[in-house]
PDB file of all heavy atoms in Angstrom:
ATOM      1  N   GLN A   1     109.144  83.789 101.801  1.00  0.00           N
ATOM      2  CA  GLN A   1     108.644  84.713 102.814  1.00  0.00           C
ATOM      3  C   GLN A   1     109.694  84.937 103.894  1.00  0.00           C
ATOM      4  O   GLN A   1     110.348  84.002 104.354  1.00  0.00           O
ATOM      5  CB  GLN A   1     107.361  84.180 103.434  1.00  0.00           C
ATOM      6  CG  GLN A   1     106.124  84.427 102.560  1.00  0.00           C
ATOM      7  CD  GLN A   1     104.849  84.361 103.358  1.00  0.00           C
ATOM      8  OE1 GLN A   1     104.717  83.555 104.274  1.00  0.00           O
ATOM      9  NE2 GLN A   1     103.892  85.210 103.030  1.00  0.00           N
ATOM     10  N   LEU A   2     109.815  86.190 104.281  1.00  0.00           N
ATOM     11  CA  LEU A   2     110.768  86.585 105.313  1.00  0.00           C
ATOM     12  C   LEU A   2     110.008  87.309 106.425  1.00  0.00           C
ATOM     13  O   LEU A   2     108.970  87.946 106.185  1.00  0.00           O
ATOM     14  CB  LEU A   2     111.841  87.497 104.711  1.00  0.00           C
ATOM     15  CG  LEU A   2     112.687  86.880 103.581  1.00  0.00           C
ATOM     16  CD1 LEU A   2     113.564  87.944 102.926  1.00  0.00           C
ATOM     17  CD2 LEU A   2     113.555  85.735 104.112  1.00  0.00           C
ATOM     18  N   TYR A   3     110.564  87.252 107.648  1.00  0.00           N
ATOM     19  CA  TYR A   3     109.848  87.767 108.826  1.00  0.00           C
ATOM     20  C   TYR A   3     110.775  88.644 109.652  1.00  0.00           C
ATOM     21  O   TYR A   3     112.003  88.520 109.596  1.00  0.00           O
ATOM     22  CB  TYR A   3     109.325  86.601 109.672  1.00  0.00           C
ATOM     23  CG  TYR A   3     108.459  85.635 108.894  1.00  0.00           C
ATOM     24  CD1 TYR A   3     109.024  84.542 108.248  1.00  0.00           C
ATOM     25  CD2 TYR A   3     107.087  85.829 108.795  1.00  0.00           C
ATOM     26  CE1 TYR A   3     108.245  83.651 107.518  1.00  0.00           C
ATOM     27  CE2 TYR A   3     106.294  84.953 108.071  1.00  0.00           C
ATOM     28  CZ  TYR A   3     106.884  83.869 107.426  1.00  0.00           C
ATOM     29  OH  TYR A   3     106.106  82.996 106.697  1.00  0.00           O
ATOM     30  N   ASN A   4     110.142  89.498 110.466  1.00  0.00           N
ATOM     31  CA  ASN A   4     110.922  90.332 111.378  1.00  0.00           C
ATOM     32  C   ASN A   4     111.031  89.659 112.740  1.00  0.00           C
ATOM     33  O   ASN A   4     110.557  88.529 112.944  1.00  0.00           O
ATOM     34  CB  ASN A   4     110.315  91.732 111.498  1.00  0.00           C
ATOM     35  CG  ASN A   4     108.886  91.699 112.014  1.00  0.00           C
ATOM     36  OD1 ASN A   4     108.463  90.730 112.647  1.00  0.00           O
ATOM     37  ND2 ASN A   4     108.128  92.777 111.766  1.00  0.00           N
ATOM     38  N   LEU A   5     111.604  90.355 113.679  1.00  0.00           N
ATOM     39  CA  LEU A   5     111.863  89.785 115.006  1.00  0.00           C
ATOM     40  C   LEU A   5     110.569  89.411 115.715  1.00  0.00           C
ATOM     41  O   LEU A   5     110.531  88.442 116.491  1.00  0.00           O
ATOM     42  CB  LEU A   5     112.658  90.797 115.851  1.00  0.00           C
ATOM     43  CG  LEU A   5     113.176  90.309 117.203  1.00  0.00           C
ATOM     44  CD1 LEU A   5     114.156  89.144 117.013  1.00  0.00           C
ATOM     45  CD2 LEU A   5     113.874  91.455 117.948  1.00  0.00           C
ATOM     46  N   ALA A   6     109.479  90.131 115.438  1.00  0.00           N
ATOM     47  CA  ALA A   6     108.186  89.840 116.081  1.00  0.00           C
ATOM     48  C   ALA A   6     107.446  88.700 115.401  1.00  0.00           C
ATOM     49  O   ALA A   6     106.366  88.311 115.856  1.00  0.00           O
ATOM     50  CB  ALA A   6     107.325  91.097 116.090  1.00  0.00           C
ATOM     51  N   GLY A   7     107.985  88.162 114.315  1.00  0.00           N
ATOM     52  CA  GLY A   7     107.337  87.077 113.610  1.00  0.00           C
ATOM     53  C   GLY A   7     106.367  87.529 112.551  1.00  0.00           C
ATOM     54  O   GLY A   7     105.635  86.708 111.980  1.00  0.00           O
ATOM     55  N   ASP A   8     106.325  88.828 112.263  1.00  0.00           N
ATOM     56  CA  ASP A   8     105.434  89.342 111.221  1.00  0.00           C
ATOM     57  C   ASP A   8     106.137  89.319 109.866  1.00  0.00           C
ATOM     58  O   ASP A   8     107.354  89.542 109.766  1.00  0.00           O
ATOM     59  CB  ASP A   8     105.018  90.776 111.550  1.00  0.00           C
ATOM     60  CG  ASP A   8     104.270  90.872 112.875  1.00  0.00           C
ATOM     61  OD1 ASP A   8     103.492  89.942 113.160  1.00  0.00           O
ATOM     62  OD2 ASP A   8     104.485  91.872 113.594  1.00  0.00           O
ATOM     63  N   ALA A   9     105.360  89.071 108.805  1.00  0.00           N
ATOM     64  CA  ALA A   9     105.908  89.130 107.452  1.00  0.00           C
ATOM     65  C   ALA A   9     106.338  90.556 107.143  1.00  0.00           C
ATOM     66  O   ALA A   9     105.622  91.518 107.449  1.00  0.00           O
ATOM     67  CB  ALA A   9     104.877  88.646 106.443  1.00  0.00           C
ATOM     68  N   ILE A  10     107.514  90.688 106.570  1.00  0.00           N
ATOM     69  CA  ILE A  10     108.029  92.039 106.282  1.00  0.00           C
ATOM     70  C   ILE A  10     107.171  92.683 105.194  1.00  0.00           C
ATOM     71  O   ILE A  10     106.570  92.012 104.356  1.00  0.00           O
ATOM     72  CB  ILE A  10     109.502  91.999 105.857  1.00  0.00           C
ATOM     73  CG1 ILE A  10     109.671  91.188 104.563  1.00  0.00           C
ATOM     74  CG2 ILE A  10     110.372  91.433 106.956  1.00  0.00           C
ATOM     75  CD1 ILE A  10     111.072  91.251 103.990  1.00  0.00           C
ATOM     76  N   SER A  11     107.135  94.024 105.223  1.00  0.00           N
ATOM     77  CA  SER A  11     106.363  94.771 104.234  1.00  0.00           C
ATOM     78  C   SER A  11     107.020  96.117 104.022  1.00  0.00           C
ATOM     79  O   SER A  11     107.895  96.540 104.784  1.00  0.00           O
ATOM     80  CB  SER A  11     104.918  94.957 104.709  1.00  0.00           C
ATOM     81  OG  SER A  11     104.884  95.755 105.893  1.00  0.00           O
ATOM     82  N   THR A  12     106.567  96.792 102.979  1.00  0.00           N
ATOM     83  CA  THR A  12     107.129  98.107 102.664  1.00  0.00           C
ATOM     84  C   THR A  12     106.795  99.121 103.745  1.00  0.00           C
ATOM     85  O   THR A  12     107.601  99.972 104.103  1.00  0.00           O
ATOM     86  CB  THR A  12     106.596  98.607 101.305  1.00  0.00           C
ATOM     87  OG1 THR A  12     106.918  97.650 100.304  1.00  0.00           O
ATOM     88  CG2 THR A  12     107.208  99.940 100.929  1.00  0.00           C
ATOM     89  N   GLY A  13     105.608  99.017 104.331  1.00  0.00           N
ATOM     90  CA  GLY A  13     105.173 100.000 105.311  1.00  0.00           C
ATOM     91  C   GLY A  13     105.910  99.914 106.630  1.00  0.00           C
ATOM     92  O   GLY A  13     106.076 100.913 107.322  1.00  0.00           O
ATOM     93  N   ALA A  14     106.356  98.711 107.014  1.00  0.00           N
ATOM     94  CA  ALA A  14     107.046  98.546 108.299  1.00  0.00           C
ATOM     95  C   ALA A  14     108.512  98.234 108.039  1.00  0.00           C
ATOM     96  O   ALA A  14     108.845  97.148 107.576  1.00  0.00           O
ATOM     97  CB  ALA A  14     106.398  97.415 109.100  1.00  0.00           C
ATOM     98  N   SER A  15     109.366  99.197 108.328  1.00  0.00           N
ATOM     99  CA  SER A  15     110.789  99.014 108.071  1.00  0.00           C
ATOM    100  C   SER A  15     111.368  97.952 108.995  1.00  0.00           C
ATOM    101  O   SER A  15     111.085  97.920 110.198  1.00  0.00           O
ATOM    102  CB  SER A  15     111.525 100.341 108.274  1.00  0.00           C
ATOM    103  OG  SER A  15     112.915 100.168 108.080  1.00  0.00           O
ATOM    104  N   THR A  16     112.144  97.050 108.413  1.00  0.00           N
ATOM    105  CA  THR A  16     112.786  95.981 109.173  1.00  0.00           C
ATOM    106  C   THR A  16     114.289  96.070 109.000  1.00  0.00           C
ATOM    107  O   THR A  16     114.781  96.155 107.874  1.00  0.00           O
ATOM    108  CB  THR A  16     112.301  94.602 108.687  1.00  0.00           C
ATOM    109  OG1 THR A  16     110.883  94.515 108.846  1.00  0.00           O
ATOM    110  CG2 THR A  16     112.974  93.478 109.466  1.00  0.00           C
ATOM    111  N   ASN A  17     115.010  96.058 110.140  1.00  0.00           N
ATOM    112  CA  ASN A  17     116.463  96.048 110.065  1.00  0.00           C
ATOM    113  C   ASN A  17     116.956  94.658 109.685  1.00  0.00           C
ATOM    114  O   ASN A  17     116.347  93.642 110.034  1.00  0.00           O
ATOM    115  CB  ASN A  17     117.071  96.467 111.399  1.00  0.00           C
ATOM    116  CG  ASN A  17     116.805  97.932 111.717  1.00  0.00           C
ATOM    117  OD1 ASN A  17     116.645  98.746 110.803  1.00  0.00           O
ATOM    118  ND2 ASN A  17     116.746  98.269 112.990  1.00  0.00           N
ATOM    119  N   LEU A  18     118.070  94.619 108.965  1.00  0.00           N
ATOM    120  CA  LEU A  18     118.592  93.328 108.515  1.00  0.00           C
ATOM    121  C   LEU A  18     118.938  92.410 109.685  1.00  0.00           C
ATOM    122  O   LEU A  18     118.792  91.186 109.584  1.00  0.00           O
ATOM    123  CB  LEU A  18     119.834  93.545 107.633  1.00  0.00           C
ATOM    124  CG  LEU A  18     119.586  94.192 106.261  1.00  0.00           C
ATOM    125  CD1 LEU A  18     120.905  94.326 105.496  1.00  0.00           C
ATOM    126  CD2 LEU A  18     118.596  93.385 105.445  1.00  0.00           C
ATOM    127  N   VAL A  19     119.386  92.976 110.794  1.00  0.00           N
ATOM    128  CA  VAL A  19     119.770  92.135 111.933  1.00  0.00           C
ATOM    129  C   VAL A  19     118.552  91.476 112.576  1.00  0.00           C
ATOM    130  O   VAL A  19     118.699  90.560 113.392  1.00  0.00           O
ATOM    131  CB  VAL A  19     120.553  92.959 112.981  1.00  0.00           C
ATOM    132  CG1 VAL A  19     121.897  93.420 112.414  1.00  0.00           C
ATOM    133  CG2 VAL A  19     119.732  94.158 113.460  1.00  0.00           C
ATOM    134  N   ASP A  20     117.331  91.925 112.216  1.00  0.00           N
ATOM    135  CA  ASP A  20     116.096  91.329 112.738  1.00  0.00           C
ATOM    136  C   ASP A  20     115.426  90.408 111.723  1.00  0.00           C
ATOM    137  O   ASP A  20     114.349  89.865 112.001  1.00  0.00           O
ATOM    138  CB  ASP A  20     115.099  92.425 113.141  1.00  0.00           C
ATOM    139  CG  ASP A  20     115.624  93.298 114.264  1.00  0.00           C
ATOM    140  OD1 ASP A  20     116.424  92.785 115.077  1.00  0.00           O
ATOM    141  OD2 ASP A  20     115.250  94.489 114.311  1.00  0.00           O
ATOM    142  N   LEU A  21     116.038  90.207 110.566  1.00  0.00           N
ATOM    143  CA  LEU A  21     115.418  89.451 109.484  1.00  0.00           C
ATOM    144  C   LEU A  21     115.581  87.946 109.708  1.00  0.00           C
ATOM    145  O   LEU A  21     116.681  87.454 109.985  1.00  0.00           O
ATOM    146  CB  LEU A  21     116.045  89.852 108.143  1.00  0.00           C
ATOM    147  CG  LEU A  21     115.282  89.481 106.871  1.00  0.00           C
ATOM    148  CD1 LEU A  21     113.934  90.180 106.839  1.00  0.00           C
ATOM    149  CD2 LEU A  21     116.103  89.860 105.637  1.00  0.00           C
ATOM    150  N   ARG A  22     114.449  87.204 109.590  1.00  0.00           N
ATOM    151  CA  ARG A  22     114.449  85.754 109.813  1.00  0.00           C
ATOM    152  C   ARG A  22     113.659  85.046 108.726  1.00  0.00           C
ATOM    153  O   ARG A  22     112.875  85.664 108.012  1.00  0.00           O
ATOM    154  CB  ARG A  22     113.845  85.430 111.187  1.00  0.00           C
ATOM    155  CG  ARG A  22     114.774  85.791 112.353  1.00  0.00           C
ATOM    156  CD  ARG A  22     114.035  85.779 113.676  1.00  0.00           C
ATOM    157  NE  ARG A  22     114.930  85.819 114.818  1.00  0.00           N
ATOM    158  CZ  ARG A  22     115.623  86.880 115.193  1.00  0.00           C
ATOM    159  NH1 ARG A  22     115.525  88.009 114.510  1.00  0.00           N
ATOM    160  NH2 ARG A  22     116.430  86.828 116.242  1.00  0.00           N
ATOM    161  N   THR A  23     113.888  83.748 108.622  1.00  0.00           N
ATOM    162  CA  THR A  23     113.170  82.941 107.620  1.00  0.00           C
ATOM    163  C   THR A  23     111.962  82.226 108.216  1.00  0.00           C
ATOM    164  O   THR A  23     111.209  81.588 107.488  1.00  0.00           O
ATOM    165  CB  THR A  23     114.130  81.901 107.005  1.00  0.00           C
ATOM    166  OG1 THR A  23     114.662  81.074 108.054  1.00  0.00           O
ATOM    167  CG2 THR A  23     115.259  82.581 106.246  1.00  0.00           C
ATOM    168  N   THR A  24     111.768  82.308 109.538  1.00  0.00           N
ATOM    169  CA  THR A  24     110.630  81.655 110.194  1.00  0.00           C
ATOM    170  C   THR A  24     109.909  82.661 111.080  1.00  0.00           C
ATOM    171  O   THR A  24     110.484  83.675 111.511  1.00  0.00           O
ATOM    172  CB  THR A  24     111.092  80.473 111.056  1.00  0.00           C
ATOM    173  OG1 THR A  24     112.016  80.929 112.050  1.00  0.00           O
ATOM    174  CG2 THR A  24     111.776  79.414 110.183  1.00  0.00           C
ATOM    175  N   THR A  25     108.666  82.356 111.390  1.00  0.00           N
ATOM    176  CA  THR A  25     107.873  83.279 112.215  1.00  0.00           C
ATOM    177  C   THR A  25     108.333  83.275 113.658  1.00  0.00           C
ATOM    178  O   THR A  25     108.246  84.297 114.342  1.00  0.00           O
ATOM    179  CB  THR A  25     106.388  82.896 112.146  1.00  0.00           C
ATOM    180  OG1 THR A  25     106.255  81.521 112.564  1.00  0.00           O
ATOM    181  CG2 THR A  25     105.857  83.056 110.739  1.00  0.00           C
ATOM    182  N   THR A  26     108.751  82.144 114.179  1.00  0.00           N
ATOM    183  CA  THR A  26     109.217  82.064 115.564  1.00  0.00           C
ATOM    184  C   THR A  26     110.528  81.294 115.598  1.00  0.00           C
ATOM    185  O   THR A  26     110.771  80.374 114.811  1.00  0.00           O
ATOM    186  CB  THR A  26     108.195  81.322 116.435  1.00  0.00           C
ATOM    187  OG1 THR A  26     107.971  80.009 115.894  1.00  0.00           O
ATOM    188  CG2 THR A  26     106.877  82.081 116.492  1.00  0.00           C
ATOM    189  N   GLY A  27     111.352  81.697 116.533  1.00  0.00           N
ATOM    190  CA  GLY A  27     112.627  80.999 116.717  1.00  0.00           C
ATOM    191  C   GLY A  27     113.552  81.233 115.540  1.00  0.00           C
ATOM    192  O   GLY A  27     113.316  82.058 114.665  1.00  0.00           O
ATOM    193  N   GLY A  28     114.607  80.433 115.502  1.00  0.00           N
ATOM    194  CA  GLY A  28     115.585  80.577 114.435  1.00  0.00           C
ATOM    195  C   GLY A  28     116.468  81.788 114.658  1.00  0.00           C
ATOM    196  O   GLY A  28     116.140  82.714 115.409  1.00  0.00           O
ATOM    197  N   SER A  29     117.600  81.780 114.005  1.00  0.00           N
ATOM    198  CA  SER A  29     118.561  82.865 114.161  1.00  0.00           C
ATOM    199  C   SER A  29     118.391  83.894 113.049  1.00  0.00           C
ATOM    200  O   SER A  29     117.818  83.607 111.991  1.00  0.00           O
ATOM    201  CB  SER A  29     119.992  82.317 114.134  1.00  0.00           C
ATOM    202  OG  SER A  29     120.244  81.649 112.917  1.00  0.00           O
ATOM    203  N   SER A  30     118.894  85.066 113.312  1.00  0.00           N
ATOM    204  CA  SER A  30     118.818  86.138 112.314  1.00  0.00           C
ATOM    205  C   SER A  30     119.752  85.819 111.149  1.00  0.00           C
ATOM    206  O   SER A  30     120.810  85.208 111.320  1.00  0.00           O
ATOM    207  CB  SER A  30     119.208  87.466 112.953  1.00  0.00           C
ATOM    208  OG  SER A  30     119.260  88.486 111.982  1.00  0.00           O
ATOM    209  N   ILE A  31     119.322  86.234 109.952  1.00  0.00           N
ATOM    210  CA  ILE A  31     120.156  86.003 108.761  1.00  0.00           C
ATOM    211  C   ILE A  31     121.420  86.852 108.819  1.00  0.00           C
ATOM    212  O   ILE A  31     122.488  86.417 108.386  1.00  0.00           O
ATOM    213  CB  ILE A  31     119.352  86.321 107.487  1.00  0.00           C
ATOM    214  CG1 ILE A  31     118.109  85.430 107.403  1.00  0.00           C
ATOM    215  CG2 ILE A  31     120.203  86.153 106.233  1.00  0.00           C
ATOM    216  CD1 ILE A  31     117.176  85.775 106.251  1.00  0.00           C
ATOM    217  N   PHE A  32     121.316  88.047 109.372  1.00  0.00           N
ATOM    218  CA  PHE A  32     122.438  88.985 109.397  1.00  0.00           C
ATOM    219  C   PHE A  32     122.797  89.328 110.841  1.00  0.00           C
ATOM    220  O   PHE A  32     121.944  89.311 111.737  1.00  0.00           O
ATOM    221  CB  PHE A  32     122.088  90.283 108.671  1.00  0.00           C
ATOM    222  CG  PHE A  32     121.745  90.115 107.220  1.00  0.00           C
ATOM    223  CD1 PHE A  32     120.429  89.940 106.825  1.00  0.00           C
ATOM    224  CD2 PHE A  32     122.740  90.143 106.258  1.00  0.00           C
ATOM    225  CE1 PHE A  32     120.098  89.799 105.485  1.00  0.00           C
ATOM    226  CE2 PHE A  32     122.413  90.004 104.909  1.00  0.00           C
ATOM    227  CZ  PHE A  32     121.102  89.822 104.526  1.00  0.00           C
ATOM    228  N   THR A  33     124.051  89.669 111.037  1.00  0.00           N
ATOM    229  CA  THR A  33     124.509  90.255 112.285  1.00  0.00           C
ATOM    230  C   THR A  33     125.321  91.494 111.959  1.00  0.00           C
ATOM    231  O   THR A  33     125.869  91.623 110.848  1.00  0.00           O
ATOM    232  CB  THR A  33     125.384  89.268 113.089  1.00  0.00           C
ATOM    233  OG1 THR A  33     126.518  88.893 112.296  1.00  0.00           O
ATOM    234  CG2 THR A  33     124.594  88.030 113.480  1.00  0.00           C
ATOM    235  N   ALA A  34     125.369  92.423 112.905  1.00  0.00           N
ATOM    236  CA  ALA A  34     126.118  93.652 112.683  1.00  0.00           C
ATOM    237  C   ALA A  34     127.575  93.320 112.369  1.00  0.00           C
ATOM    238  O   ALA A  34     128.189  92.478 113.027  1.00  0.00           O
ATOM    239  CB  ALA A  34     126.028  94.548 113.913  1.00  0.00           C
ATOM    240  N   GLY A  35     128.127  93.987 111.350  1.00  0.00           N
ATOM    241  CA  GLY A  35     129.506  93.741 110.924  1.00  0.00           C
ATOM    242  C   GLY A  35     129.602  92.818 109.726  1.00  0.00           C
ATOM    243  O   GLY A  35     130.683  92.719 109.114  1.00  0.00           O
ATOM    244  N   ASP A  36     128.515  92.132 109.381  1.00  0.00           N
ATOM    245  CA  ASP A  36     128.539  91.284 108.185  1.00  0.00           C
ATOM    246  C   ASP A  36     128.762  92.142 106.937  1.00  0.00           C
ATOM    247  O   ASP A  36     128.371  93.310 106.874  1.00  0.00           O
ATOM    248  CB  ASP A  36     127.214  90.521 108.032  1.00  0.00           C
ATOM    249  CG  ASP A  36     127.113  89.335 108.973  1.00  0.00           C
ATOM    250  OD1 ASP A  36     128.159  88.906 109.491  1.00  0.00           O
ATOM    251  OD2 ASP A  36     125.990  88.844 109.198  1.00  0.00           O
ATOM    252  N   VAL A  37     129.389  91.514 105.943  1.00  0.00           N
ATOM    253  CA  VAL A  37     129.620  92.182 104.654  1.00  0.00           C
ATOM    254  C   VAL A  37     128.871  91.419 103.565  1.00  0.00           C
ATOM    255  O   VAL A  37     129.066  90.214 103.390  1.00  0.00           O
ATOM    256  CB  VAL A  37     131.121  92.247 104.315  1.00  0.00           C
ATOM    257  CG1 VAL A  37     131.325  92.865 102.926  1.00  0.00           C
ATOM    258  CG2 VAL A  37     131.872  93.041 105.367  1.00  0.00           C
TER     259      VAL A  37
END
């Protein structure tokens, strides 16, 4: 399960940017940052 910046589980209906993608509902760092390849 992956979550967005607000702690909600990602879904097809709600677009999530990669820089906001996290592995936990609260806290933790984003998996991606701008400029990553």
